[in-house]
Amino acid sequence: MTAIESGTPAVVDAALRGLPAILAVLDFSTIKNELFPVIAMVFNAVDGIPSDTKFAADDPNACSPAEAYHLRQLLRTIGPREFCLRTVDSGRYTAKRLLTAFNIRAPAFLDGAPEEAYTSMLTLAFSRELAKRAKLPSHNSLDDAVALLTRSRNIMVITGAGISTSLGIPDFRSKKTGLYAQLEHMGLAVHDP
């Protein structure tokens, strides 16, 4: 269910409706140099307490790292609709300040803009945060990982491309060492699915 389908608060709905208007008044250079980097920041923000808070340290209106962590947890617990009601709609936070909880600095071209101009970025920040897999707070160290592996059964390891061949595990398609080549050598030709 999307935020709009779930009855998103007025501030988030306004953000979604307002994005085309914001883009319409910007020239290509501003979009390329200021808006795209902000969107990229939203989708590359780090998990947990923001580690790159250099901009926040200089900004008295930014959320503290502990406050940012609390706000992220609150978003996950109560969802975007209730989160907006308790933060922005209630007046406890401005959208601009709330962005700092997600490690996002508003672009310079929005300085002095109405509050609604920042809500489009909040929508992106919420989507990014909620799409992340939540870290289990009770597992923080290598010892915790070892303990989990020790008491677990049926462990599945999922790796990216390349890890299997470097460990000597045959892949499927290599000409001489791949699984299909080995099966063919044994007289069990298998066509690549």
C-alpha atoms as a PDB file:
ATOM      1  CA  MET A   1       0.000   0.000   0.000  1.00  0.00           C
ATOM      2  CA  THR A   2       1.475   3.375  -0.945  1.00  0.00           C
ATOM      3  CA  ALA A   3       1.467   6.431   1.268  1.00  0.00           C
ATOM      4  CA  ILE A   4      -1.258   8.019  -0.848  1.00  0.00           C
ATOM      5  CA  GLU A   5      -3.474   4.918  -0.665  1.00  0.00           C
ATOM      6  CA  SER A   6      -3.134   4.797   3.110  1.00  0.00           C
ATOM      7  CA  GLY A   7      -4.529   8.288   3.627  1.00  0.00           C
ATOM      8  CA  THR A   8      -1.300  10.225   3.964  1.00  0.00           C
ATOM      9  CA  PRO A   9      -1.558  13.489   5.918  1.00  0.00           C
ATOM     10  CA  ALA A  10      -2.070  16.715   4.042  1.00  0.00           C
ATOM     11  CA  VAL A  11       1.573  17.712   4.301  1.00  0.00           C
ATOM     12  CA  VAL A  12       2.795  14.601   2.435  1.00  0.00           C
ATOM     13  CA  ASP A  13       0.013  14.827  -0.151  1.00  0.00           C
ATOM     14  CA  ALA A  14       1.003  18.454  -0.730  1.00  0.00           C
ATOM     15  CA  ALA A  15       4.596  17.350  -1.197  1.00  0.00           C
ATOM     16  CA  LEU A  16       3.672  14.892  -3.891  1.00  0.00           C
ATOM     17  CA  ARG A  17       1.481  17.440  -5.657  1.00  0.00           C
ATOM     18  CA  GLY A  18       4.045  20.219  -5.216  1.00  0.00           C
ATOM     19  CA  LEU A  19       7.064  18.501  -6.751  1.00  0.00           C
ATOM     20  CA  PRO A  20       6.115  19.283 -10.392  1.00  0.00           C
ATOM     21  CA  ALA A  21       5.620  22.950  -9.466  1.00  0.00           C
ATOM     22  CA  ILE A  22       9.056  23.083  -7.839  1.00  0.00           C
ATOM     23  CA  LEU A  23      10.647  21.459 -10.891  1.00  0.00           C
ATOM     24  CA  ALA A  24       8.815  23.822 -13.266  1.00  0.00           C
ATOM     25  CA  VAL A  25      10.453  26.947 -11.818  1.00  0.00           C
ATOM     26  CA  LEU A  26      13.983  25.555 -11.787  1.00  0.00           C
ATOM     27  CA  ASP A  27      16.375  25.720 -14.678  1.00  0.00           C
ATOM     28  CA  PHE A  28      18.244  22.611 -15.829  1.00  0.00           C
ATOM     29  CA  SER A  29      21.478  23.665 -14.137  1.00  0.00           C
ATOM     30  CA  THR A  30      19.782  24.048 -10.747  1.00  0.00           C
ATOM     31  CA  ILE A  31      18.004  20.709 -11.107  1.00  0.00           C
ATOM     32  CA  LYS A  32      21.240  18.979 -12.116  1.00  0.00           C
ATOM     33  CA  ASN A  33      23.546  20.632  -9.592  1.00  0.00           C
ATOM     34  CA  GLU A  34      21.291  21.028  -6.555  1.00  0.00           C
ATOM     35  CA  LEU A  35      18.164  18.868  -6.718  1.00  0.00           C
ATOM     36  CA  PHE A  36      19.646  15.609  -8.038  1.00  0.00           C
ATOM     37  CA  PRO A  37      22.406  15.525  -5.397  1.00  0.00           C
ATOM     38  CA  VAL A  38      19.755  15.979  -2.694  1.00  0.00           C
ATOM     39  CA  ILE A  39      17.677  13.130  -4.107  1.00  0.00           C
ATOM     40  CA  ALA A  40      20.829  11.005  -4.321  1.00  0.00           C
ATOM     41  CA  MET A  41      21.558  11.841  -0.667  1.00  0.00           C
ATOM     42  CA  VAL A  42      18.094  10.628   0.286  1.00  0.00           C
ATOM     43  CA  PHE A  43      18.653   7.292  -1.406  1.00  0.00           C
ATOM     44  CA  ASN A  44      22.206   6.917  -0.107  1.00  0.00           C
ATOM     45  CA  ALA A  45      21.599   7.972   3.506  1.00  0.00           C
ATOM     46  CA  VAL A  46      23.179   5.711   6.091  1.00  0.00           C
ATOM     47  CA  ASP A  47      21.371   3.475   8.542  1.00  0.00           C
ATOM     48  CA  GLY A  48      20.941   4.259  12.214  1.00  0.00           C
ATOM     49  CA  ILE A  49      22.375   7.433  13.654  1.00  0.00           C
ATOM     50  CA  PRO A  50      23.681   9.591  10.816  1.00  0.00           C
ATOM     51  CA  SER A  51      27.467   9.366  10.659  1.00  0.00           C
ATOM     52  CA  ASP A  52      27.982  12.280   8.279  1.00  0.00           C
ATOM     53  CA  THR A  53      26.492  15.105  10.307  1.00  0.00           C
ATOM     54  CA  LYS A  54      29.047  17.803   9.555  1.00  0.00           C
ATOM     55  CA  PHE A  55      26.331  20.095   8.243  1.00  0.00           C
ATOM     56  CA  ALA A  56      24.132  19.422  11.282  1.00  0.00           C
ATOM     57  CA  ALA A  57      26.883  20.344  13.737  1.00  0.00           C
ATOM     58  CA  ASP A  58      26.922  23.862  12.309  1.00  0.00           C
ATOM     59  CA  ASP A  59      23.143  24.187  12.222  1.00  0.00           C
ATOM     60  CA  PRO A  60      21.392  24.935  15.508  1.00  0.00           C
ATOM     61  CA  ASN A  61      18.078  23.941  13.890  1.00  0.00           C
ATOM     62  CA  ALA A  62      19.273  20.426  13.006  1.00  0.00           C
ATOM     63  CA  CYS A  63      18.282  17.327  14.945  1.00  0.00           C
ATOM     64  CA  SER A  64      20.915  15.857  17.243  1.00  0.00           C
ATOM     65  CA  PRO A  65      22.163  12.346  16.383  1.00  0.00           C
ATOM     66  CA  ALA A  66      20.181  10.867  19.305  1.00  0.00           C
ATOM     67  CA  GLU A  67      17.050  12.762  18.276  1.00  0.00           C
ATOM     68  CA  ALA A  68      17.521  11.618  14.660  1.00  0.00           C
ATOM     69  CA  TYR A  69      17.785   8.006  15.793  1.00  0.00           C
ATOM     70  CA  HIS A  70      14.629   8.365  17.891  1.00  0.00           C
ATOM     71  CA  LEU A  71      12.720   9.932  14.984  1.00  0.00           C
ATOM     72  CA  ARG A  72      13.763   7.147  12.602  1.00  0.00           C
ATOM     73  CA  GLN A  73      12.616   4.534  15.090  1.00  0.00           C
ATOM     74  CA  LEU A  74       9.341   6.409  15.593  1.00  0.00           C
ATOM     75  CA  LEU A  75       8.711   6.465  11.833  1.00  0.00           C
ATOM     76  CA  ARG A  76       9.223   2.701  11.655  1.00  0.00           C
ATOM     77  CA  THR A  77       6.997   2.093  14.681  1.00  0.00           C
ATOM     78  CA  ILE A  78       3.977   4.235  13.844  1.00  0.00           C
ATOM     79  CA  GLY A  79       4.230   4.637  10.058  1.00  0.00           C
ATOM     80  CA  PRO A  80       4.421   7.754   7.877  1.00  0.00           C
ATOM     81  CA  ARG A  81       0.853   8.967   8.382  1.00  0.00           C
ATOM     82  CA  GLU A  82       0.955   9.070  12.180  1.00  0.00           C
ATOM     83  CA  PHE A  83       4.584  10.234  12.087  1.00  0.00           C
ATOM     84  CA  CYS A  84       3.611  13.285  10.017  1.00  0.00           C
ATOM     85  CA  LEU A  85       0.689  13.996  12.316  1.00  0.00           C
ATOM     86  CA  ARG A  86       2.934  13.893  15.399  1.00  0.00           C
ATOM     87  CA  THR A  87       5.829  15.867  13.953  1.00  0.00           C
ATOM     88  CA  VAL A  88       5.124  18.270  11.087  1.00  0.00           C
ATOM     89  CA  ASP A  89       1.334  18.618  11.281  1.00  0.00           C
ATOM     90  CA  SER A  90       1.450  19.152  15.058  1.00  0.00           C
ATOM     91  CA  GLY A  91       4.048  21.905  14.624  1.00  0.00           C
ATOM     92  CA  ARG A  92       6.681  20.130  16.752  1.00  0.00           C
ATOM     93  CA  TYR A  93       9.079  20.000  13.787  1.00  0.00           C
ATOM     94  CA  THR A  94       9.472  21.898  10.570  1.00  0.00           C
ATOM     95  CA  ALA A  95       9.918  19.771   7.463  1.00  0.00           C
ATOM     96  CA  LYS A  96      13.335  21.363   6.950  1.00  0.00           C
ATOM     97  CA  ARG A  97      14.488  20.364  10.441  1.00  0.00           C
ATOM     98  CA  LEU A  98      13.003  16.897  10.101  1.00  0.00           C
ATOM     99  CA  LEU A  99      15.097  16.332   6.969  1.00  0.00           C
ATOM    100  CA  THR A 100      18.204  16.517   9.145  1.00  0.00           C
ATOM    101  CA  ALA A 101      16.969  13.477  11.086  1.00  0.00           C
ATOM    102  CA  PHE A 102      17.359  11.544   7.835  1.00  0.00           C
ATOM    103  CA  ASN A 103      20.820  13.035   7.192  1.00  0.00           C
ATOM    104  CA  ILE A 104      19.585  15.311   4.426  1.00  0.00           C
ATOM    105  CA  ARG A 105      20.523  18.934   4.007  1.00  0.00           C
ATOM    106  CA  ALA A 106      18.000  20.994   2.079  1.00  0.00           C
ATOM    107  CA  PRO A 107      19.437  22.477  -1.123  1.00  0.00           C
ATOM    108  CA  ALA A 108      20.396  26.135  -1.127  1.00  0.00           C
ATOM    109  CA  PHE A 109      17.774  27.051  -3.730  1.00  0.00           C
ATOM    110  CA  LEU A 110      15.043  26.258  -1.171  1.00  0.00           C
ATOM    111  CA  ASP A 111      16.336  28.783   1.384  1.00  0.00           C
ATOM    112  CA  GLY A 112      13.445  31.054   2.249  1.00  0.00           C
ATOM    113  CA  ALA A 113      10.937  28.809   0.466  1.00  0.00           C
ATOM    114  CA  PRO A 114       7.629  27.962   2.146  1.00  0.00           C
ATOM    115  CA  GLU A 115       7.541  24.892   4.361  1.00  0.00           C
ATOM    116  CA  GLU A 116       5.627  22.897   1.740  1.00  0.00           C
ATOM    117  CA  ALA A 117       8.655  23.043  -0.565  1.00  0.00           C
ATOM    118  CA  TYR A 118      10.549  20.717   1.790  1.00  0.00           C
ATOM    119  CA  THR A 119       7.862  18.076   2.099  1.00  0.00           C
ATOM    120  CA  SER A 120       8.652  16.422  -1.248  1.00  0.00           C
ATOM    121  CA  MET A 121      12.066  15.554   0.102  1.00  0.00           C
ATOM    122  CA  LEU A 122      10.476  14.233   3.300  1.00  0.00           C
ATOM    123  CA  THR A 123       8.384  11.857   1.222  1.00  0.00           C
ATOM    124  CA  LEU A 124      11.553  10.545  -0.421  1.00  0.00           C
ATOM    125  CA  ALA A 125      13.297  10.296   2.952  1.00  0.00           C
ATOM    126  CA  PHE A 126      10.402   8.316   4.441  1.00  0.00           C
ATOM    127  CA  SER A 127      10.332   5.936   1.480  1.00  0.00           C
ATOM    128  CA  ARG A 128      14.076   5.370   1.708  1.00  0.00           C
ATOM    129  CA  GLU A 129      14.038   4.836   5.464  1.00  0.00           C
ATOM    130  CA  LEU A 130      11.125   2.411   5.395  1.00  0.00           C
ATOM    131  CA  ALA A 131      12.647   0.429   2.530  1.00  0.00           C
ATOM    132  CA  LYS A 132      15.760  -0.330   4.583  1.00  0.00           C
ATOM    133  CA  ARG A 133      15.972  -3.543   6.515  1.00  0.00           C
ATOM    134  CA  ALA A 134      15.796  -2.681  10.196  1.00  0.00           C
ATOM    135  CA  LYS A 135      18.858  -3.592  12.219  1.00  0.00           C
ATOM    136  CA  LEU A 136      18.231  -5.773  15.227  1.00  0.00           C
ATOM    137  CA  PRO A 137      19.322  -3.666  18.219  1.00  0.00           C
ATOM    138  CA  SER A 138      20.438  -6.695  20.239  1.00  0.00           C
ATOM    139  CA  HIS A 139      23.059  -7.785  17.671  1.00  0.00           C
ATOM    140  CA  ASN A 140      25.949  -5.335  17.508  1.00  0.00           C
ATOM    141  CA  SER A 141      29.261  -7.173  17.638  1.00  0.00           C
ATOM    142  CA  LEU A 142      31.225  -9.961  16.036  1.00  0.00           C
ATOM    143  CA  ASP A 143      30.587 -12.030  19.179  1.00  0.00           C
ATOM    144  CA  ASP A 144      26.839 -11.571  18.643  1.00  0.00           C
ATOM    145  CA  ALA A 145      27.219 -12.839  15.066  1.00  0.00           C
ATOM    146  CA  VAL A 146      29.264 -15.847  16.228  1.00  0.00           C
ATOM    147  CA  ALA A 147      26.629 -16.664  18.865  1.00  0.00           C
ATOM    148  CA  LEU A 148      23.869 -16.512  16.243  1.00  0.00           C
ATOM    149  CA  LEU A 149      25.800 -18.790  13.887  1.00  0.00           C
ATOM    150  CA  THR A 150      26.600 -21.224  16.706  1.00  0.00           C
ATOM    151  CA  ARG A 151      23.002 -21.767  17.755  1.00  0.00           C
ATOM    152  CA  SER A 152      21.410 -21.552  14.296  1.00  0.00           C
ATOM    153  CA  ARG A 153      20.580 -24.387  11.922  1.00  0.00           C
ATOM    154  CA  ASN A 154      19.952 -24.365   8.183  1.00  0.00           C
ATOM    155  CA  ILE A 155      22.078 -21.307   7.496  1.00  0.00           C
ATOM    156  CA  MET A 156      21.842 -19.938   3.976  1.00  0.00           C
ATOM    157  CA  VAL A 157      24.627 -17.744   2.614  1.00  0.00           C
ATOM    158  CA  ILE A 158      23.656 -15.483  -0.256  1.00  0.00           C
ATOM    159  CA  THR A 159      26.546 -13.841  -2.086  1.00  0.00           C
ATOM    160  CA  GLY A 160      27.041 -11.576  -5.026  1.00  0.00           C
ATOM    161  CA  ALA A 161      28.626 -12.460  -8.343  1.00  0.00           C
ATOM    162  CA  GLY A 162      32.259 -13.559  -8.269  1.00  0.00           C
ATOM    163  CA  ILE A 163      32.492 -14.897  -4.739  1.00  0.00           C
ATOM    164  CA  SER A 164      31.905 -18.519  -5.753  1.00  0.00           C
ATOM    165  CA  THR A 165      34.709 -18.754  -8.311  1.00  0.00           C
ATOM    166  CA  SER A 166      37.259 -17.099  -6.029  1.00  0.00           C
ATOM    167  CA  LEU A 167      36.463 -19.761  -3.406  1.00  0.00           C
ATOM    168  CA  GLY A 168      36.830 -22.595  -5.903  1.00  0.00           C
ATOM    169  CA  ILE A 169      33.115 -23.234  -6.222  1.00  0.00           C
ATOM    170  CA  PRO A 170      32.296 -23.786  -9.891  1.00  0.00           C
ATOM    171  CA  ASP A 171      29.913 -21.407 -11.566  1.00  0.00           C
ATOM    172  CA  PHE A 172      27.455 -22.535 -14.211  1.00  0.00           C
ATOM    173  CA  ARG A 173      28.759 -21.106 -17.483  1.00  0.00           C
ATOM    174  CA  SER A 174      32.591 -21.046 -17.422  1.00  0.00           C
ATOM    175  CA  LYS A 175      33.861 -22.827 -20.554  1.00  0.00           C
ATOM    176  CA  LYS A 176      36.160 -25.347 -18.818  1.00  0.00           C
ATOM    177  CA  THR A 177      35.330 -25.263 -15.103  1.00  0.00           C
ATOM    178  CA  GLY A 178      31.646 -24.384 -15.062  1.00  0.00           C
ATOM    179  CA  LEU A 179      29.004 -26.834 -13.852  1.00  0.00           C
ATOM    180  CA  TYR A 180      27.536 -27.222 -17.349  1.00  0.00           C
ATOM    181  CA  ALA A 181      31.002 -27.961 -18.818  1.00  0.00           C
ATOM    182  CA  GLN A 182      31.688 -30.559 -16.113  1.00  0.00           C
ATOM    183  CA  LEU A 183      28.329 -32.258 -16.686  1.00  0.00           C
ATOM    184  CA  GLU A 184      28.970 -32.306 -20.439  1.00  0.00           C
ATOM    185  CA  HIS A 185      32.427 -33.836 -19.843  1.00  0.00           C
ATOM    186  CA  MET A 186      30.683 -36.629 -17.879  1.00  0.00           C
ATOM    187  CA  GLY A 187      28.293 -37.202 -20.782  1.00  0.00           C
ATOM    188  CA  LEU A 188      25.357 -35.450 -19.129  1.00  0.00           C
ATOM    189  CA  ALA A 189      24.862 -32.530 -21.483  1.00  0.00           C
ATOM    190  CA  VAL A 190      22.576 -29.900 -20.015  1.00  0.00           C
ATOM    191  CA  HIS A 191      21.424 -27.005 -22.104  1.00  0.00           C
ATOM    192  CA  ASP A 192      21.746 -23.619 -20.452  1.00  0.00           C
ATOM    193  CA  PRO A 193      18.245 -22.801 -19.133  1.00  0.00           C
END
